[in-house]
Amino acid sequence: MKHTPVARPVLAAALTVMLLTSAGTGCGRDAVTGKGRGATRGYQLAYVTPENDLVLADLGPDPLDGTRPPVITTLASNAGFEPAWSPDGRLLACVFVSPPRTKDPDTVKVFSPDDPANPLYELRCERGDRPRGVEWSPDGRLLAVDFGTSIVGSVQLLEVGSWREVGHLCHLCGFCWSPGGDRLAAGSPREVDPPLLHLETSESSDVVVYEVPGPRVTTLVEGTTEAMYWPLCWPEEERLLVQVVSTAAAGKAHVCEICPSDPSATLRRVEAVPLSCDHEATRRLLPPELRDGFSSTFRWTADESLVATPIKSGPDRMVWVVGRDGRSRRVGPGTYPAWRPMATPASH
């Protein structure tokens, strides 16, 4: 797989010093929102409109105040998938999809929302190599680019600032970062006998941990003909949550935890998981009128006080913000919401 990087000079202080502003959950693409040194802006939310424009909505100091219309700024066109903020909220990364009528490749761009027309970095992908998402490491040192057209894909790891490739992990089924950003947990297909013919790959799935960027790989849990395993989220350094799925055609799922530093550790079933990873618990917290249109895409703030989610409304989806106190606010037509870190906290 070949990709052509296009990097532009940047200020080292803006790119190499990425400080986490909140503890967060370490759960994949979930946002962190909290106090930032010198932060003066209110809550801001990036999302993709039905016209594939990437926009930034300024919701003000109280994101649930429906009397104040959000200020919407268009950042870029042809956005394809979930935008992802750097942990300090200074940079935004997003996959951009070329129109079908053109022969241009899809791209991944990293830019400041203050100057979206001049990306700091651009990764042009060969036709057929489909980027489907990006995710920053929690410490902001690395950017993971997720490629694939099916459940199995690959991840390219880029060093922020120099933008050089420091790793390329192949044949993965989903991944999540450790809280410290030095490890990455992923699902890894495993051949089983007899093969699971009713599944897309006919394979089960292990959970493996990669040292980043080193070559060390540890298998934590091996998939079988009865169960498949995927990393769900990594809330604490020594606590990785794993989704266990029955391989039966109508298989049920539950969540277990395991110590990722102990290869001899065993899975322990848990009932409570972070809201950022819990679809059904999030759905139950929505106002009744929004539950039927709820999808699998939702983004909680780190303190789990606010969730942004696209709700199906007619032919389109509408981004809503909902608080734990039951208040809700409609933002605008779109999908893939992403909270900007370092928003000024408000009472809500």
Protein backbone atom coordinates (compact mmCIF):
# COMPACT_ATOMS: atom_id res chain seq x y z
CA MET A 1 0.00 0.00 0.00
CA LYS A 2 1.53 3.29 -1.08
CA HIS A 3 0.49 6.72 0.11
CA THR A 4 1.93 10.06 -0.88
CA PRO A 5 2.35 12.44 2.05
CA VAL A 6 2.36 16.18 1.52
CA ALA A 7 3.65 18.04 4.58
CA ARG A 8 3.94 21.77 5.13
CA PRO A 9 6.12 23.63 7.65
CA VAL A 10 4.42 24.11 11.00
CA LEU A 11 5.21 25.64 14.37
CA ALA A 12 6.77 22.99 16.56
CA ALA A 13 5.09 24.34 19.66
CA ALA A 14 1.69 23.95 18.06
CA LEU A 15 2.21 20.37 16.97
CA THR A 16 4.65 18.56 19.19
CA VAL A 17 3.33 19.64 22.57
CA MET A 18 -0.10 18.00 22.86
CA LEU A 19 -1.36 17.99 26.43
CA LEU A 20 -4.44 16.08 27.46
CA THR A 21 -6.86 18.56 28.98
CA SER A 22 -8.97 15.97 30.71
CA ALA A 23 -8.62 12.41 31.92
CA GLY A 24 -11.05 11.14 29.29
CA THR A 25 -11.78 7.46 28.81
CA GLY A 26 -9.24 6.45 26.19
CA CYS A 27 -12.15 5.03 24.21
CA GLY A 28 -11.43 5.21 20.53
CA ARG A 29 -12.96 8.23 18.89
CA ASP A 30 -14.70 9.72 21.92
CA ALA A 31 -14.08 13.39 22.59
CA VAL A 32 -12.64 15.10 25.63
CA THR A 33 -14.07 18.37 26.80
CA GLY A 34 -12.74 20.24 29.79
CA LYS A 35 -10.78 23.20 31.03
CA GLY A 36 -7.85 24.32 28.96
CA ARG A 37 -5.20 26.80 29.96
CA GLY A 38 -6.22 30.13 28.49
CA ALA A 39 -9.36 28.69 26.90
CA THR A 40 -11.99 31.32 26.26
CA ARG A 41 -14.29 29.73 23.68
CA GLY A 42 -17.56 28.02 24.45
CA TYR A 43 -18.56 24.53 23.42
CA GLN A 44 -17.79 23.74 19.79
CA LEU A 45 -18.81 20.77 17.70
CA ALA A 46 -17.53 19.71 14.28
CA TYR A 47 -19.73 17.57 12.04
CA VAL A 48 -20.41 16.70 8.39
CA THR A 49 -23.50 18.10 6.64
CA PRO A 50 -25.65 16.21 4.08
CA GLU A 51 -23.79 18.20 1.41
CA ASN A 52 -20.51 16.70 2.72
CA ASP A 53 -19.31 20.02 4.10
CA LEU A 54 -17.25 19.89 7.28
CA VAL A 55 -18.63 22.57 9.59
CA LEU A 56 -17.90 23.91 13.05
CA ALA A 57 -20.83 24.82 15.29
CA ASP A 58 -20.18 27.26 18.14
CA LEU A 59 -22.78 26.44 20.80
CA GLY A 60 -21.74 29.12 23.27
CA PRO A 61 -21.04 28.71 26.99
CA ASP A 62 -24.27 26.73 27.55
CA PRO A 63 -24.53 24.14 24.75
CA LEU A 64 -28.11 23.33 25.71
CA ASP A 65 -29.41 26.89 25.44
CA GLY A 66 -31.81 26.62 22.52
CA THR A 67 -32.59 30.34 22.56
CA ARG A 68 -29.18 31.14 21.06
CA PRO A 69 -28.78 29.87 17.48
CA PRO A 70 -25.47 28.07 16.93
CA VAL A 71 -22.89 29.93 14.86
CA ILE A 72 -22.04 27.62 11.95
CA THR A 73 -18.74 28.00 10.05
CA THR A 74 -17.95 25.92 6.96
CA LEU A 75 -14.39 24.61 7.15
CA ALA A 76 -14.08 22.40 4.04
CA SER A 77 -15.96 20.52 1.33
CA ASN A 78 -16.04 16.82 0.33
CA ALA A 79 -15.65 15.58 3.90
CA GLY A 80 -16.23 11.86 4.08
CA PHE A 81 -15.96 10.45 7.59
CA GLU A 82 -15.61 11.35 11.23
CA PRO A 83 -13.50 14.42 11.97
CA ALA A 84 -11.05 13.98 14.86
CA TRP A 85 -9.63 16.73 17.09
CA SER A 86 -6.10 16.68 18.43
CA PRO A 87 -6.15 16.30 22.24
CA ASP A 88 -5.38 20.01 22.75
CA GLY A 89 -8.11 21.12 20.33
CA ARG A 90 -5.76 23.03 18.03
CA LEU A 91 -5.89 20.74 15.01
CA LEU A 92 -8.58 18.84 13.16
CA ALA A 93 -8.00 15.73 11.03
CA CYS A 94 -10.57 14.36 8.61
CA VAL A 95 -10.97 12.02 5.64
CA PHE A 96 -11.97 13.76 2.43
CA VAL A 97 -13.57 11.73 -0.37
CA SER A 98 -13.05 12.71 -4.00
CA PRO A 99 -16.19 12.96 -6.17
CA PRO A 100 -16.79 9.73 -8.15
CA ARG A 101 -16.52 11.58 -11.47
CA THR A 102 -12.91 12.54 -10.78
CA LYS A 103 -9.78 10.41 -10.76
CA ASP A 104 -8.39 12.19 -7.71
CA PRO A 105 -7.49 10.03 -4.71
CA ASP A 106 -9.15 10.29 -1.34
CA THR A 107 -7.14 12.33 1.15
CA VAL A 108 -6.56 12.73 4.86
CA LYS A 109 -5.96 16.34 5.88
CA VAL A 110 -4.77 17.90 9.12
CA PHE A 111 -5.41 21.61 9.57
CA SER A 112 -6.12 24.39 12.01
CA PRO A 113 -9.80 25.41 12.11
CA ASP A 114 -8.51 29.00 11.94
CA ASP A 115 -6.93 28.33 8.53
CA PRO A 116 -8.65 25.32 6.93
CA ALA A 117 -7.65 26.33 3.39
CA ASN A 118 -3.98 25.62 4.16
CA PRO A 119 -3.62 22.08 5.54
CA LEU A 120 -0.56 21.43 7.65
CA TYR A 121 -0.42 17.88 6.33
CA GLU A 122 -2.13 15.98 3.52
CA LEU A 123 -2.00 12.25 2.83
CA ARG A 124 -3.08 11.33 -0.70
CA CYS A 125 -4.24 7.74 -0.94
CA GLU A 126 -4.09 5.55 -4.01
CA ARG A 127 -7.39 4.70 -5.69
CA GLY A 128 -8.66 1.57 -3.99
CA ASP A 129 -6.96 2.41 -0.69
CA ARG A 130 -9.95 3.76 1.20
CA PRO A 131 -9.27 5.69 4.41
CA ARG A 132 -12.26 5.36 6.70
CA GLY A 133 -11.21 7.24 9.80
CA VAL A 134 -8.47 8.95 11.78
CA GLU A 135 -7.66 8.95 15.47
CA TRP A 136 -5.08 10.80 17.55
CA SER A 137 -3.19 9.08 20.31
CA PRO A 138 -4.28 10.48 23.71
CA ASP A 139 -0.90 12.19 24.17
CA GLY A 140 -1.10 13.76 20.71
CA ARG A 141 2.20 12.27 19.50
CA LEU A 142 0.73 10.02 16.82
CA LEU A 143 -2.09 10.01 14.30
CA ALA A 144 -3.61 6.68 13.27
CA VAL A 145 -5.17 6.44 9.80
CA ASP A 146 -7.60 3.55 9.43
CA PHE A 147 -7.86 1.96 5.96
CA GLY A 148 -10.27 -0.68 4.69
CA THR A 149 -13.51 -1.47 2.89
CA SER A 150 -14.67 -4.34 5.13
CA ILE A 151 -14.45 -5.42 8.76
CA VAL A 152 -10.73 -6.18 8.26
CA GLY A 153 -8.42 -3.23 7.59
CA SER A 154 -5.02 -1.73 8.34
CA VAL A 155 -3.71 1.21 10.37
CA GLN A 156 -0.93 3.60 9.36
CA LEU A 157 0.75 5.42 12.26
CA LEU A 158 2.16 8.90 11.62
CA GLU A 159 4.36 10.96 13.92
CA VAL A 160 2.74 14.34 14.49
CA GLY A 161 4.92 17.23 13.34
CA SER A 162 7.35 15.31 11.14
CA TRP A 163 4.45 13.30 9.63
CA ARG A 164 6.76 10.36 8.95
CA GLU A 165 5.32 6.86 9.08
CA VAL A 166 6.39 5.04 12.24
CA GLY A 167 4.28 1.93 11.87
CA HIS A 168 1.85 0.07 9.64
CA LEU A 169 -0.38 -2.55 11.24
CA CYS A 170 -2.20 -4.90 8.87
CA HIS A 171 -5.14 -7.27 9.09
CA LEU A 172 -6.94 -5.61 12.00
CA CYS A 173 -10.57 -5.62 13.11
CA GLY A 174 -10.96 -2.36 15.02
CA PHE A 175 -8.56 -0.75 17.48
CA CYS A 176 -8.27 1.60 20.45
CA TRP A 177 -5.41 3.52 22.09
CA SER A 178 -4.11 3.04 25.60
CA PRO A 179 -4.55 6.12 27.84
CA GLY A 180 -0.80 6.83 27.61
CA GLY A 181 -0.70 6.51 23.83
CA ASP A 182 2.18 4.00 23.85
CA ARG A 183 0.08 0.90 23.14
CA LEU A 184 -2.72 0.00 20.77
CA ALA A 185 -5.22 -2.82 21.21
CA ALA A 186 -6.78 -4.38 18.13
CA GLY A 187 -8.87 -7.27 16.92
CA SER A 188 -6.86 -9.76 14.87
CA PRO A 189 -8.53 -12.38 12.63
CA ARG A 190 -7.82 -16.01 13.53
CA GLU A 191 -8.56 -19.03 11.33
CA VAL A 192 -10.64 -21.65 13.09
CA ASP A 193 -11.76 -25.16 12.21
CA PRO A 194 -14.49 -25.51 11.21
CA PRO A 195 -14.57 -22.07 9.55
CA LEU A 196 -17.37 -19.67 10.51
CA LEU A 197 -19.02 -19.65 7.10
CA HIS A 198 -21.90 -17.38 8.13
CA LEU A 199 -19.44 -14.55 8.90
CA GLU A 200 -17.82 -12.16 6.42
CA THR A 201 -14.28 -13.49 6.88
CA SER A 202 -15.10 -17.05 8.08
CA GLU A 203 -12.64 -16.33 10.90
CA SER A 204 -12.79 -15.68 14.61
CA SER A 205 -10.97 -12.75 16.25
CA ASP A 206 -8.22 -12.40 18.87
CA VAL A 207 -7.41 -9.34 20.96
CA VAL A 208 -3.78 -8.29 20.56
CA VAL A 209 -1.74 -5.40 21.99
CA TYR A 210 0.93 -3.59 19.97
CA GLU A 211 3.74 -1.61 21.52
CA VAL A 212 3.83 1.71 19.67
CA PRO A 213 5.94 2.28 17.68
CA GLY A 214 7.98 -0.81 18.64
CA PRO A 215 7.48 -4.22 17.06
CA ARG A 216 6.34 -6.12 20.16
CA VAL A 217 2.90 -7.78 19.86
CA THR A 218 1.12 -9.65 22.65
CA THR A 219 -1.96 -11.82 22.18
CA LEU A 220 -4.26 -11.33 25.17
CA VAL A 221 -7.27 -13.44 24.15
CA GLU A 222 -7.58 -16.03 21.38
CA GLY A 223 -10.74 -16.32 19.32
CA THR A 224 -12.47 -19.71 19.07
CA THR A 225 -15.29 -21.32 17.14
CA GLU A 226 -17.62 -20.28 19.98
CA ALA A 227 -16.56 -16.69 20.66
CA MET A 228 -14.93 -13.69 18.99
CA TYR A 229 -13.19 -10.85 20.83
CA TRP A 230 -12.73 -7.15 20.05
CA PRO A 231 -11.26 -4.31 22.11
CA LEU A 232 -14.06 -1.99 23.18
CA CYS A 233 -12.19 0.76 25.04
CA TRP A 234 -9.15 1.26 27.26
CA PRO A 235 -10.29 3.42 30.22
CA GLU A 236 -7.25 2.77 32.47
CA GLU A 237 -3.68 1.65 31.76
CA GLU A 238 -4.21 -1.73 33.40
CA ARG A 239 -7.85 -2.18 32.44
CA LEU A 240 -8.90 -3.00 28.88
CA LEU A 241 -12.56 -3.63 28.09
CA VAL A 242 -13.23 -6.39 25.58
CA GLN A 243 -16.45 -7.15 23.72
CA VAL A 244 -17.19 -10.89 23.63
CA VAL A 245 -19.50 -11.99 20.83
CA SER A 246 -20.99 -15.44 20.36
CA THR A 247 -20.21 -16.84 16.90
CA ALA A 248 -23.76 -18.16 16.53
CA ALA A 249 -25.72 -16.53 13.71
CA ALA A 250 -27.74 -14.51 16.22
CA GLY A 251 -24.90 -14.29 18.69
CA LYS A 252 -25.24 -12.28 21.87
CA ALA A 253 -22.53 -10.00 23.22
CA HIS A 254 -21.27 -9.02 26.64
CA VAL A 255 -18.30 -7.06 28.01
CA CYS A 256 -15.32 -8.30 29.98
CA GLU A 257 -12.20 -6.62 31.36
CA ILE A 258 -8.61 -7.81 31.30
CA CYS A 259 -5.21 -6.51 32.43
CA PRO A 260 -3.35 -5.73 29.17
CA SER A 261 0.08 -5.94 30.82
CA ASP A 262 -0.39 -9.51 32.05
CA PRO A 263 -0.42 -12.17 29.29
CA SER A 264 -1.64 -14.74 31.84
CA ALA A 265 -4.61 -12.60 32.92
CA THR A 266 -8.12 -13.92 32.38
CA LEU A 267 -11.29 -12.18 31.31
CA ARG A 268 -13.66 -10.95 34.02
CA ARG A 269 -17.22 -10.08 33.10
CA VAL A 270 -18.35 -6.52 33.90
CA GLU A 271 -21.78 -4.93 33.83
CA ALA A 272 -20.92 -1.21 33.92
CA VAL A 273 -18.99 0.33 31.00
CA PRO A 274 -18.34 3.98 30.10
CA LEU A 275 -21.26 5.69 28.41
CA SER A 276 -18.98 6.48 25.47
CA CYS A 277 -18.97 2.73 24.73
CA ASP A 278 -22.54 1.86 25.72
CA HIS A 279 -25.09 2.22 22.94
CA GLU A 280 -28.13 1.01 24.84
CA ALA A 281 -27.43 3.04 27.98
CA THR A 282 -26.99 6.15 25.84
CA ARG A 283 -30.25 5.47 24.03
CA ARG A 284 -32.13 5.17 27.32
CA LEU A 285 -30.87 8.62 28.40
CA LEU A 286 -32.27 10.32 25.29
CA PRO A 287 -35.68 12.01 25.35
CA PRO A 288 -38.33 9.48 24.23
CA GLU A 289 -39.02 11.37 21.00
CA LEU A 290 -35.40 10.94 19.88
CA ARG A 291 -34.90 7.26 20.65
CA ASP A 292 -36.46 5.77 17.50
CA GLY A 293 -34.10 7.73 15.25
CA PHE A 294 -30.99 7.00 17.32
CA SER A 295 -28.05 5.49 15.40
CA SER A 296 -24.80 3.83 16.41
CA THR A 297 -22.88 7.12 16.17
CA PHE A 298 -22.68 9.18 19.36
CA ARG A 299 -19.99 11.22 21.11
CA TRP A 300 -19.94 11.93 24.83
CA THR A 301 -17.87 14.61 26.50
CA ALA A 302 -15.22 13.27 28.88
CA ASP A 303 -17.27 14.07 31.98
CA GLU A 304 -20.24 12.24 30.39
CA SER A 305 -22.51 15.23 30.88
CA LEU A 306 -23.30 15.84 27.19
CA VAL A 307 -23.77 13.60 24.19
CA ALA A 308 -23.88 14.65 20.53
CA THR A 309 -25.61 12.27 18.14
CA PRO A 310 -27.23 12.33 14.69
CA ILE A 311 -30.93 11.46 14.91
CA LYS A 312 -32.76 10.28 11.80
CA SER A 313 -35.36 12.83 10.73
CA GLY A 314 -37.04 12.11 7.40
CA PRO A 315 -34.45 11.42 4.68
CA ASP A 316 -31.64 13.11 6.64
CA ARG A 317 -30.11 13.03 10.08
CA MET A 318 -30.13 15.94 12.50
CA VAL A 319 -27.32 16.48 15.02
CA TRP A 320 -28.68 16.85 18.54
CA VAL A 321 -26.96 17.63 21.82
CA VAL A 322 -28.50 16.03 24.90
CA GLY A 323 -27.59 16.60 28.54
CA ARG A 324 -27.75 14.18 31.45
CA ASP A 325 -30.36 16.50 32.97
CA GLY A 326 -32.76 15.73 30.10
CA ARG A 327 -32.40 19.00 28.21
CA SER A 328 -31.75 18.74 24.50
CA ARG A 329 -30.89 21.00 21.59
CA ARG A 330 -31.06 20.57 17.82
CA VAL A 331 -27.87 21.79 16.12
CA GLY A 332 -28.30 21.17 12.37
CA PRO A 333 -28.53 18.51 9.63
CA GLY A 334 -25.48 16.26 9.66
CA THR A 335 -23.54 13.25 10.93
CA TYR A 336 -20.22 12.39 12.60
CA PRO A 337 -20.25 14.95 15.46
CA ALA A 338 -16.95 15.57 17.28
CA TRP A 339 -16.60 17.74 20.40
CA ARG A 340 -13.71 20.19 20.34
CA PRO A 341 -11.45 19.74 23.39
CA MET A 342 -10.73 22.61 25.79
CA ALA A 343 -14.22 24.07 25.61
CA THR A 344 -14.99 26.39 28.48
CA PRO A 345 -17.11 24.48 30.99
CA ALA A 346 -20.58 25.73 31.75
CA SER A 347 -23.30 24.89 34.19
CA HIS A 348 -25.84 22.72 32.42
